Amino acid sequence: MIINKITTGYVVQSFDTETRKFLGQDFIASNEVNYETENGEPADEELFEKDGKEIYLPYNMEQPE
């Protein structure tokens, strides 16, 4: 079964108006999380656990050049 973890949050992007380039970006995750199947049905969050702990995958974002 495929489960999607949907995390509410914000993206903050820094832009230099003089050079007209983006300097970087950060994702700020909230504690608001929903779990659903690939069909959009609600899923039990315990399916996203191993040994009683939530499986964690970091939020990696590529920085602009």
Protein backbone atom coordinates (compact mmCIF):
# COMPACT_ATOMS: atom_id res chain seq x y z
CA MET A 1 0.00 0.00 0.00
CA ILE A 2 1.26 3.48 -0.84
CA ILE A 3 0.67 6.14 1.83
CA ASN A 4 1.17 9.86 1.26
CA LYS A 5 2.25 12.03 4.17
CA ILE A 6 0.95 15.55 3.58
CA THR A 7 2.66 18.20 5.72
CA THR A 8 1.31 21.74 5.94
CA GLY A 9 3.95 24.43 5.93
CA TYR A 10 5.46 27.43 4.22
CA VAL A 11 8.25 28.13 1.76
CA VAL A 12 10.32 31.26 2.41
CA GLN A 13 12.31 32.47 -0.59
CA SER A 14 14.95 35.21 -0.32
CA PHE A 15 15.40 37.44 -3.37
CA ASP A 16 18.02 40.17 -3.92
CA THR A 17 16.40 43.05 -5.80
CA GLU A 18 19.77 44.53 -6.80
CA THR A 19 21.24 41.40 -8.39
CA ARG A 20 17.80 40.10 -9.43
CA LYS A 21 18.68 36.62 -8.10
CA PHE A 22 17.24 34.27 -5.51
CA LEU A 23 19.60 33.75 -2.57
CA GLY A 24 17.95 30.73 -1.03
CA GLN A 25 14.79 29.11 0.19
CA ASP A 26 13.62 27.32 3.31
CA PHE A 27 10.67 25.07 4.02
CA ILE A 28 9.08 25.58 7.43
CA ALA A 29 7.00 22.56 8.31
CA SER A 30 4.16 22.71 10.80
CA ASN A 31 2.96 19.93 13.05
CA GLU A 32 -0.17 19.59 10.92
CA VAL A 33 0.13 16.30 9.03
CA ASN A 34 -2.39 14.15 7.17
CA TYR A 35 -1.93 10.61 5.91
CA GLU A 36 -3.81 9.27 2.92
CA THR A 37 -3.65 6.40 0.47
CA GLU A 38 -2.67 6.98 -3.14
CA ASN A 39 -6.43 7.09 -3.86
CA GLY A 40 -6.94 10.01 -1.46
CA GLU A 41 -8.57 7.93 1.28
CA PRO A 42 -7.57 8.68 4.89
CA ALA A 43 -4.89 6.28 6.18
CA ASP A 44 -3.97 5.20 9.68
CA GLU A 45 -0.81 7.07 10.74
CA GLU A 46 0.40 3.92 12.53
CA LEU A 47 1.10 2.47 9.07
CA PHE A 48 3.81 5.13 8.79
CA GLU A 49 5.62 3.88 11.90
CA LYS A 50 8.40 1.41 12.60
CA ASP A 51 8.99 0.13 16.14
CA GLY A 52 6.41 2.62 17.43
CA LYS A 53 8.14 5.68 15.93
CA GLU A 54 7.21 7.67 12.86
CA ILE A 55 9.50 7.00 9.92
CA TYR A 56 11.18 10.32 9.16
CA LEU A 57 12.37 11.56 5.79
CA PRO A 58 14.04 15.00 5.75
CA TYR A 59 12.61 17.79 3.63
CA ASN A 60 15.42 18.38 1.16
CA MET A 61 14.99 21.36 -1.13
CA GLU A 62 17.39 22.36 -3.88
CA GLN A 63 18.80 25.84 -3.45
CA PRO A 64 18.80 28.18 -6.43
CA GLU A 65 22.10 28.75 -8.24
